[in-house]
């Protein structure tokens, strides 16, 4: 275990630390998934002539998240983890307030981009905090258990959003974002000591930043991890963008969508803790490769079944099971890919986490937005896209360097 936190700092228990990191990670899931029940009303109120544009409320947030991710890591390497989290939370809350009062779709999208920029602070710095305290497969295990909260939260986020819409209207969801951010960041500020002591911080000058950037981008496992995560995020964001429309137009289940989405999240949630157990024995690289191959095969089979036209009433259940597999894919891949890339970069963990998160998130958001616009009233474009993306990711993993011996 690698510890860079000052020796006098009080360390949280493993359980509280995982819960705290999981709640911070869940900020992103809440900011996206709670909006899903609001998309039909947003489309009706702000863009009635082009209802598919309402999906941009999701991808604009992800775009801001990706761009902000590029800067928050280097800033945290220079000024410490907690100050950057505070600044990010302030931006996030400002964006939520602006979205609450935005009178047009264009202004709403701008506010969501600002909200995404702010969410990048807690999201990236939380990963750097984990790297400050853990390394190798232990780091992958911590991320996996924290991701359990991230993957379970979508089970309740749409229901929370639907409840808020029922009681107060869809704009009140943005006030819930404000409250959630205040609780999670307040918990971190009160309980988690600073994990990057002043002697370990890097000067905020152009030359060292460029050196860290060159070192990070020059690492082969970082390059491949960014590429594979981009493909995985593209699949996830494409699914999130399209899934409400599919439940509505393909299966006429819009009213019950929050409950079905909750069930999908709960079925997929065990992937993260299972990965946390298996990764210590099997390693990160093999698990990622097998998960991607499995997703490619599953998506190909499901696409063939839909193309055959023989599913009938079973088509909904086939799509439901397939959706569970897409969300489970994140539990078996994202944490492992982060750990593989960050293992040799502990001294520039903030920069590395920022660069990886920014490029993968922006690339994934772009792919997801394109997939969402291909929606034609059936799940087929989404399923075919997932087959291509997961297969491409599995192929890239062939060139991923093996884990260093000390990581075991």
Protein backbone atom coordinates (compact mmCIF):
# COMPACT_ATOMS: atom_id res chain seq x y z
CA UNK A 1 0.00 0.00 0.00
CA UNK A 2 1.26 3.44 -0.90
CA UNK A 3 0.40 6.27 1.48
CA UNK A 4 1.22 9.88 0.73
CA UNK A 5 -1.09 11.42 3.30
CA UNK A 6 0.67 13.19 6.19
CA UNK A 7 1.39 10.75 9.04
CA UNK A 8 -0.47 12.86 11.60
CA UNK A 9 -3.69 12.86 9.59
CA UNK A 10 -6.54 10.80 10.95
CA UNK A 11 -7.47 8.05 8.53
CA UNK A 12 -11.10 7.10 7.97
CA UNK A 13 -12.20 3.53 8.48
CA UNK A 14 -12.27 1.50 5.28
CA UNK A 15 -16.10 1.31 5.36
CA UNK A 16 -16.64 5.04 5.83
CA UNK A 17 -14.01 5.86 3.21
CA UNK A 18 -15.69 3.62 0.62
CA UNK A 19 -19.12 5.06 1.46
CA UNK A 20 -17.81 8.63 1.15
CA UNK A 21 -16.05 8.00 -2.16
CA UNK A 22 -19.13 6.18 -3.44
CA UNK A 23 -21.41 9.09 -2.60
CA UNK A 24 -19.08 11.52 -4.37
CA UNK A 25 -19.00 9.27 -7.43
CA UNK A 26 -22.80 9.07 -7.25
CA UNK A 27 -23.05 12.84 -7.84
CA UNK A 28 -22.59 12.16 -11.55
CA UNK A 29 -25.13 9.32 -11.62
CA UNK A 30 -27.70 11.42 -9.76
CA UNK A 31 -27.15 14.41 -12.05
CA UNK A 32 -27.85 12.28 -15.11
CA UNK A 33 -30.37 9.64 -14.06
CA UNK A 34 -32.69 11.88 -12.05
CA UNK A 35 -33.30 13.83 -15.27
CA UNK A 36 -34.57 10.82 -17.22
CA UNK A 37 -38.26 11.12 -16.16
CA UNK A 38 -38.15 14.84 -17.02
CA UNK A 39 -37.11 14.40 -20.67
CA UNK A 40 -40.66 14.12 -22.11
CA UNK A 41 -41.79 17.28 -20.31
CA UNK A 42 -38.60 19.15 -21.25
CA UNK A 43 -39.17 18.14 -24.88
CA UNK A 44 -42.80 19.28 -24.71
CA UNK A 45 -42.02 22.61 -23.05
CA UNK A 46 -38.69 23.63 -24.60
CA UNK A 47 -38.26 21.76 -27.90
CA UNK A 48 -41.63 20.39 -29.11
CA UNK A 49 -40.58 20.34 -32.77
CA UNK A 50 -37.53 18.11 -32.17
CA UNK A 51 -38.09 15.92 -29.10
CA UNK A 52 -34.81 14.01 -29.53
CA UNK A 53 -32.97 17.24 -28.67
CA UNK A 54 -34.14 16.87 -25.07
CA UNK A 55 -31.52 14.10 -24.74
CA UNK A 56 -28.87 16.84 -24.93
CA UNK A 57 -29.80 17.77 -21.35
CA UNK A 58 -27.92 14.59 -20.43
CA UNK A 59 -25.01 14.79 -22.86
CA UNK A 60 -24.39 18.52 -22.25
CA UNK A 61 -23.77 17.72 -18.59
CA UNK A 62 -21.39 14.93 -19.60
CA UNK A 63 -19.59 17.29 -22.00
CA UNK A 64 -19.01 19.82 -19.21
CA UNK A 65 -17.90 17.00 -16.95
CA UNK A 66 -15.32 15.85 -19.49
CA UNK A 67 -13.91 19.32 -20.14
CA UNK A 68 -13.73 20.15 -16.43
CA UNK A 69 -12.00 16.86 -15.76
CA UNK A 70 -9.04 18.06 -17.83
CA UNK A 71 -8.22 20.82 -15.33
CA UNK A 72 -9.27 19.64 -11.87
CA UNK A 73 -6.58 16.97 -11.49
CA UNK A 74 -3.57 19.24 -12.19
CA UNK A 75 -5.07 21.91 -9.95
CA UNK A 76 -5.44 19.37 -7.13
CA UNK A 77 -1.81 18.26 -7.62
CA UNK A 78 -0.75 21.88 -7.02
CA UNK A 79 -3.21 23.23 -4.45
CA UNK A 80 -4.38 20.09 -2.65
CA UNK A 81 -7.43 17.88 -3.02
CA UNK A 82 -9.96 19.60 -0.77
CA UNK A 83 -9.70 23.19 -2.14
CA UNK A 84 -10.42 21.92 -5.66
CA UNK A 85 -13.42 19.93 -4.43
CA UNK A 86 -14.82 23.09 -2.78
CA UNK A 87 -14.39 25.10 -5.99
CA UNK A 88 -16.01 22.36 -8.07
CA UNK A 89 -18.98 22.14 -5.72
CA UNK A 90 -19.48 25.92 -5.98
CA UNK A 91 -19.60 25.69 -9.80
CA UNK A 92 -21.95 22.70 -9.65
CA UNK A 93 -24.37 24.50 -7.34
CA UNK A 94 -24.23 27.65 -9.52
CA UNK A 95 -25.04 25.58 -12.61
CA UNK A 96 -27.94 23.90 -10.81
CA UNK A 97 -29.42 27.26 -9.80
CA UNK A 98 -29.10 28.62 -13.36
CA UNK A 99 -30.74 25.49 -14.78
CA UNK A 100 -33.58 25.91 -12.29
CA UNK A 101 -34.51 29.30 -13.81
CA UNK A 102 -33.40 28.78 -17.47
CA UNK A 103 -36.27 29.87 -19.80
CA UNK A 104 -35.04 28.13 -22.98
CA UNK A 105 -33.39 24.88 -24.01
CA UNK A 106 -30.22 26.72 -25.07
CA UNK A 107 -29.79 28.35 -21.66
CA UNK A 108 -30.66 25.10 -19.92
CA UNK A 109 -27.94 23.29 -21.87
CA UNK A 110 -25.43 26.02 -21.00
CA UNK A 111 -26.32 25.69 -17.31
CA UNK A 112 -25.94 21.91 -17.53
CA UNK A 113 -22.48 22.33 -19.06
CA UNK A 114 -21.53 24.57 -16.13
CA UNK A 115 -22.96 22.02 -13.73
CA UNK A 116 -20.87 19.31 -15.40
CA UNK A 117 -17.74 21.46 -15.12
CA UNK A 118 -18.35 21.69 -11.38
CA UNK A 119 -19.04 17.98 -10.97
CA UNK A 120 -15.61 17.25 -12.43
CA UNK A 121 -13.95 18.50 -9.25
CA UNK A 122 -15.35 15.93 -6.80
CA UNK A 123 -15.34 13.18 -9.42
CA UNK A 124 -11.66 13.43 -10.41
CA UNK A 125 -10.27 14.43 -7.05
CA UNK A 126 -12.02 11.50 -5.38
CA UNK A 127 -10.09 9.16 -7.70
CA UNK A 128 -6.84 10.98 -6.88
CA UNK A 129 -7.60 10.68 -3.15
CA UNK A 130 -8.00 6.92 -3.53
CA UNK A 131 -4.67 6.78 -5.41
CA UNK A 132 -3.03 8.83 -2.63
CA UNK A 133 -3.93 6.13 -0.13
CA UNK A 134 -3.98 2.87 -2.14
CA UNK A 135 -2.27 1.33 -5.16
CA UNK A 136 -2.43 -1.69 -7.44
CA UNK A 137 -5.20 -4.24 -6.95
CA UNK A 138 -6.07 -2.78 -3.55
CA UNK A 139 -6.86 0.48 -5.33
CA UNK A 140 -8.94 -1.39 -7.91
CA UNK A 141 -10.80 -3.11 -5.07
CA UNK A 142 -11.58 0.18 -3.29
CA UNK A 143 -12.81 1.74 -6.54
CA UNK A 144 -14.94 -1.34 -7.24
CA UNK A 145 -16.68 -1.16 -3.87
CA UNK A 146 -17.15 2.61 -4.21
CA UNK A 147 -18.58 1.99 -7.68
CA UNK A 148 -21.18 -0.26 -6.04
CA UNK A 149 -22.80 2.86 -4.59
CA UNK A 150 -22.41 4.57 -7.97
CA UNK A 151 -24.21 1.70 -9.70
CA UNK A 152 -26.94 1.27 -7.06
CA UNK A 153 -27.80 4.97 -6.99
CA UNK A 154 -29.37 4.92 -10.47
CA UNK A 155 -31.90 2.50 -8.98
CA UNK A 156 -33.40 5.32 -6.94
CA UNK A 157 -32.40 8.43 -8.93
CA UNK A 158 -35.21 8.20 -11.55
CA UNK A 159 -37.76 7.51 -8.81
CA UNK A 160 -36.48 10.52 -6.87
CA UNK A 161 -36.74 12.57 -10.05
CA UNK A 162 -40.26 11.29 -10.76
CA UNK A 163 -41.33 12.06 -7.18
CA UNK A 164 -39.94 15.59 -7.38
CA UNK A 165 -41.68 16.16 -10.72
CA UNK A 166 -44.98 14.90 -9.28
CA UNK A 167 -44.76 17.13 -6.22
CA UNK A 168 -42.94 20.25 -7.39
CA UNK A 169 -42.35 20.14 -11.17
CA UNK A 170 -39.30 19.11 -13.17
CA UNK A 171 -37.29 22.24 -12.41
CA UNK A 172 -37.18 21.36 -8.71
CA UNK A 173 -34.83 18.49 -9.57
CA UNK A 174 -32.04 21.06 -9.82
CA UNK A 175 -32.62 22.09 -6.21
CA UNK A 176 -32.24 18.44 -5.21
CA UNK A 177 -28.85 18.45 -6.96
CA UNK A 178 -27.84 21.42 -4.82
CA UNK A 179 -28.80 19.61 -1.61
CA UNK A 180 -27.02 16.40 -2.62
CA UNK A 181 -23.80 18.26 -3.39
CA UNK A 182 -23.90 20.14 -0.10
CA UNK A 183 -24.27 16.88 1.87
CA UNK A 184 -21.59 14.86 0.05
CA UNK A 185 -18.95 17.60 -0.12
CA UNK A 186 -19.71 18.70 3.44
CA UNK A 187 -19.14 15.12 4.63
CA UNK A 188 -15.76 15.02 2.89
CA UNK A 189 -14.65 18.40 4.23
CA UNK A 190 -15.56 17.48 7.80
CA UNK A 191 -14.34 13.89 7.95
CA UNK A 192 -11.61 13.29 5.34
CA UNK A 193 -8.19 14.83 6.05
CA UNK A 194 -6.19 16.29 3.18
CA UNK A 195 -4.35 13.41 1.48
CA UNK A 196 -1.76 15.42 -0.46
CA UNK A 197 0.69 17.11 1.94
CA UNK A 198 2.36 20.35 0.86
CA UNK A 199 5.81 18.77 0.25
CA UNK A 200 4.24 16.37 -2.26
CA UNK A 201 2.46 19.07 -4.27
CA UNK A 202 3.71 20.10 -7.69
CA UNK A 203 4.32 23.73 -8.59
CA UNK A 204 1.61 25.16 -10.81
CA UNK A 205 3.92 26.17 -13.64
CA UNK A 206 3.72 25.43 -17.32
CA UNK A 207 6.93 23.41 -17.52
CA UNK A 208 6.11 20.81 -14.83
CA UNK A 209 2.55 20.57 -16.13
CA UNK A 210 3.82 19.86 -19.64
CA UNK A 211 6.29 17.32 -18.26
CA UNK A 212 3.49 15.55 -16.36
CA UNK A 213 1.28 15.69 -19.44
CA UNK A 214 4.03 14.22 -21.62
CA UNK A 215 4.75 11.49 -19.09
CA UNK A 216 1.08 10.60 -18.72
CA UNK A 217 0.30 10.51 -22.43
CA UNK A 218 3.50 8.63 -23.18
CA UNK A 219 2.46 5.66 -21.05
CA UNK A 220 1.07 2.86 -23.17
CA UNK A 221 -1.44 1.57 -20.63
CA UNK A 222 -2.76 5.13 -20.20
CA UNK A 223 -3.27 5.52 -23.96
CA UNK A 224 -5.08 2.19 -24.26
CA UNK A 225 -7.11 2.74 -21.09
CA UNK A 226 -8.39 6.07 -22.43
CA UNK A 227 -9.38 4.44 -25.71
CA UNK A 228 -11.16 1.50 -24.09
CA UNK A 229 -12.94 3.71 -21.55
CA UNK A 230 -14.11 5.98 -24.39
CA UNK A 231 -15.74 2.99 -26.09
CA UNK A 232 -17.34 1.83 -22.82
CA UNK A 233 -18.61 5.32 -21.94
CA UNK A 234 -20.00 5.63 -25.47
CA UNK A 235 -22.04 2.48 -24.88
CA UNK A 236 -23.22 3.67 -21.45
CA UNK A 237 -24.12 7.21 -22.50
CA UNK A 238 -25.83 5.95 -25.65
CA UNK A 239 -27.91 3.60 -23.52
CA UNK A 240 -28.78 6.28 -20.98
CA UNK A 241 -29.74 8.72 -23.74
CA UNK A 242 -32.02 6.25 -25.52
CA UNK A 243 -33.43 4.03 -22.80
CA UNK A 244 -36.39 6.21 -21.76
CA UNK A 245 -37.48 6.63 -25.39
CA UNK A 246 -37.17 2.88 -25.94
CA UNK A 247 -39.31 2.07 -22.91
CA UNK A 248 -41.85 4.63 -24.08
CA UNK A 249 -42.08 4.16 -27.85
CA UNK A 250 -40.92 0.56 -28.27
CA UNK A 251 -42.62 -1.04 -25.27
CA UNK A 252 -45.23 1.51 -24.08
CA UNK A 253 -43.88 1.48 -20.52
CA UNK A 254 -43.09 5.18 -19.94
CA UNK A 255 -45.20 5.39 -16.78
CA UNK A 256 -43.41 2.49 -15.11
CA UNK A 257 -39.94 3.39 -16.45
CA UNK A 258 -38.48 4.59 -13.09
CA UNK A 259 -39.25 1.21 -11.53
CA UNK A 260 -37.82 -0.77 -14.43
CA UNK A 261 -34.71 1.40 -14.45
CA UNK A 262 -34.36 0.83 -10.71
CA UNK A 263 -34.54 -2.92 -11.27
CA UNK A 264 -31.92 -2.72 -14.04
CA UNK A 265 -29.57 -0.86 -11.68
CA UNK A 266 -30.13 -3.33 -8.84
CA UNK A 267 -29.54 -6.35 -11.09
CA UNK A 268 -26.33 -4.77 -12.46
CA UNK A 269 -25.04 -3.54 -9.08
CA UNK A 270 -23.40 -6.80 -7.90
CA UNK A 271 -20.90 -6.54 -10.78
CA UNK A 272 -18.80 -4.02 -8.84
CA UNK A 273 -18.34 -6.01 -5.60
CA UNK A 274 -17.88 -9.24 -7.57
CA UNK A 275 -15.13 -7.49 -9.50
CA UNK A 276 -13.65 -6.30 -6.20
CA UNK A 277 -13.35 -9.94 -5.09
CA UNK A 278 -12.17 -11.40 -8.40
CA UNK A 279 -9.63 -8.70 -9.28
CA UNK A 280 -7.31 -9.63 -6.40
CA UNK A 281 -7.14 -13.23 -7.69
CA UNK A 282 -7.40 -12.85 -11.46
CA UNK A 283 -6.01 -9.40 -12.19
CA UNK A 284 -7.38 -6.30 -13.86
CA UNK A 285 -6.46 -6.90 -17.49
CA UNK A 286 -8.08 -10.36 -17.85
CA UNK A 287 -11.32 -9.21 -16.22
CA UNK A 288 -11.68 -6.22 -18.54
CA UNK A 289 -10.99 -8.31 -21.63
CA UNK A 290 -13.48 -11.01 -20.68
CA UNK A 291 -16.19 -8.49 -19.79
CA UNK A 292 -15.87 -6.77 -23.16
CA UNK A 293 -15.88 -10.04 -25.08
CA UNK A 294 -18.96 -11.15 -23.14
CA UNK A 295 -20.75 -7.89 -23.94
CA UNK A 296 -19.89 -8.17 -27.63
CA UNK A 297 -21.29 -11.71 -27.81
CA UNK A 298 -24.43 -10.81 -25.84
CA UNK A 299 -25.13 -7.73 -27.97
CA UNK A 300 -24.58 -9.62 -31.21
CA UNK A 301 -26.96 -12.41 -30.18
CA UNK A 302 -29.63 -9.95 -29.05
CA UNK A 303 -29.30 -7.95 -32.28
CA UNK A 304 -29.78 -11.12 -34.34
CA UNK A 305 -32.87 -12.01 -32.28
CA UNK A 306 -34.41 -8.57 -32.86
CA UNK A 307 -33.57 -8.69 -36.57
CA UNK A 308 -35.19 -12.12 -36.88
CA UNK A 309 -38.55 -10.73 -35.75
CA UNK A 310 -39.33 -13.91 -33.81
CA UNK A 311 -39.23 -12.53 -30.26
CA UNK A 312 -42.80 -11.27 -30.05
CA UNK A 313 -43.80 -10.37 -26.50
CA UNK A 314 -40.46 -11.69 -25.24
CA UNK A 315 -38.68 -8.72 -26.87
CA UNK A 316 -39.14 -6.55 -23.78
CA UNK A 317 -37.54 -9.11 -21.47
CA UNK A 318 -34.66 -9.69 -23.85
CA UNK A 319 -34.01 -5.96 -23.96
CA UNK A 320 -34.33 -5.72 -20.17
CA UNK A 321 -31.70 -8.42 -19.58
CA UNK A 322 -29.43 -6.89 -22.21
CA UNK A 323 -29.72 -3.46 -20.52
CA UNK A 324 -28.64 -5.03 -17.22
CA UNK A 325 -25.54 -6.41 -18.93
CA UNK A 326 -24.59 -2.98 -20.30
CA UNK A 327 -24.66 -1.37 -16.86
CA UNK A 328 -22.87 -4.35 -15.31
CA UNK A 329 -20.09 -3.85 -17.85
CA UNK A 330 -19.03 -0.67 -16.03
CA UNK A 331 -18.56 -2.59 -12.78
CA UNK A 332 -16.14 -5.02 -14.41
CA UNK A 333 -14.13 -2.48 -16.39
CA UNK A 334 -13.94 1.17 -15.31
CA UNK A 335 -12.29 0.68 -11.92
CA UNK A 336 -9.82 -1.82 -13.34
CA UNK A 337 -8.89 0.41 -16.26
CA UNK A 338 -8.34 3.35 -13.90
CA UNK A 339 -6.10 1.25 -11.67
CA UNK A 340 -4.11 -0.11 -14.61
CA UNK A 341 -3.43 3.37 -15.92
CA UNK A 342 -2.72 5.08 -12.58
CA UNK A 343 -0.53 2.38 -11.03
CA UNK A 344 2.80 3.87 -12.26
CA UNK A 345 1.59 7.49 -12.00
CA UNK A 346 1.03 8.00 -8.28
CA UNK A 347 3.28 11.09 -8.27
CA UNK A 348 1.01 12.80 -10.83
CA UNK A 349 -2.25 11.06 -9.92
CA UNK A 350 -4.32 14.24 -10.31
CA UNK A 351 -3.03 15.03 -13.78
CA UNK A 352 -3.37 11.39 -14.86
CA UNK A 353 -6.91 11.03 -13.51
CA UNK A 354 -7.90 14.33 -15.14
CA UNK A 355 -6.50 13.54 -18.54
CA UNK A 356 -7.94 10.04 -18.60
CA UNK A 357 -11.35 11.13 -17.35
CA UNK A 358 -11.55 14.14 -19.67
CA UNK A 359 -10.65 12.39 -22.89
CA UNK A 360 -12.71 9.27 -22.16
CA UNK A 361 -15.75 11.22 -20.97
CA UNK A 362 -15.82 13.75 -23.81
CA UNK A 363 -15.24 11.01 -26.37
CA UNK A 364 -17.88 8.80 -24.77
CA UNK A 365 -20.36 11.70 -24.59
CA UNK A 366 -19.87 12.42 -28.30
CA UNK A 367 -20.40 8.76 -29.21
CA UNK A 368 -23.42 8.51 -26.90
CA UNK A 369 -25.01 11.64 -28.37
CA UNK A 370 -24.62 10.24 -31.88
CA UNK A 371 -26.13 6.90 -30.85
CA UNK A 372 -29.05 8.70 -29.21
CA UNK A 373 -29.88 10.57 -32.42
CA UNK A 374 -30.04 7.25 -34.32
CA UNK A 375 -33.07 6.19 -32.27
CA UNK A 376 -35.76 5.05 -34.72
CA UNK A 377 -38.43 3.71 -32.38
CA UNK A 378 -36.66 0.37 -31.84
CA UNK A 379 -33.73 -0.77 -29.64
CA UNK A 380 -31.78 -2.11 -32.64
CA UNK A 381 -29.49 0.89 -33.35
CA UNK A 382 -28.41 0.95 -29.70
CA UNK A 383 -27.78 -2.81 -29.49
CA UNK A 384 -25.77 -2.88 -32.73
CA UNK A 385 -23.70 0.08 -31.53
CA UNK A 386 -22.92 -1.71 -28.27
CA UNK A 387 -21.78 -4.82 -30.15
CA UNK A 388 -19.37 -2.79 -32.29
CA UNK A 389 -18.01 -0.70 -29.40
CA UNK A 390 -17.48 -3.60 -26.98
CA UNK A 391 -15.88 -5.72 -29.68
CA UNK A 392 -13.51 -2.87 -30.53
CA UNK A 393 -12.65 -2.48 -26.85
CA UNK A 394 -11.87 -6.17 -26.50
CA UNK A 395 -9.56 -5.94 -29.51
CA UNK A 396 -7.70 -2.96 -28.01
CA UNK A 397 -7.19 -4.88 -24.74
CA UNK A 398 -5.01 -7.39 -26.62
CA UNK A 399 -2.27 -4.72 -26.64
CA UNK A 400 -2.73 -3.66 -23.00
CA UNK A 401 0.55 -4.26 -21.06
CA UNK A 402 0.39 -6.81 -18.26
CA UNK A 403 0.18 -5.65 -14.68
CA UNK A 404 3.52 -5.11 -12.90
CA UNK A 405 4.39 -7.92 -10.52
CA UNK A 406 4.23 -5.67 -7.43
CA UNK A 407 0.59 -4.81 -8.21
CA UNK A 408 -0.43 -8.27 -7.06
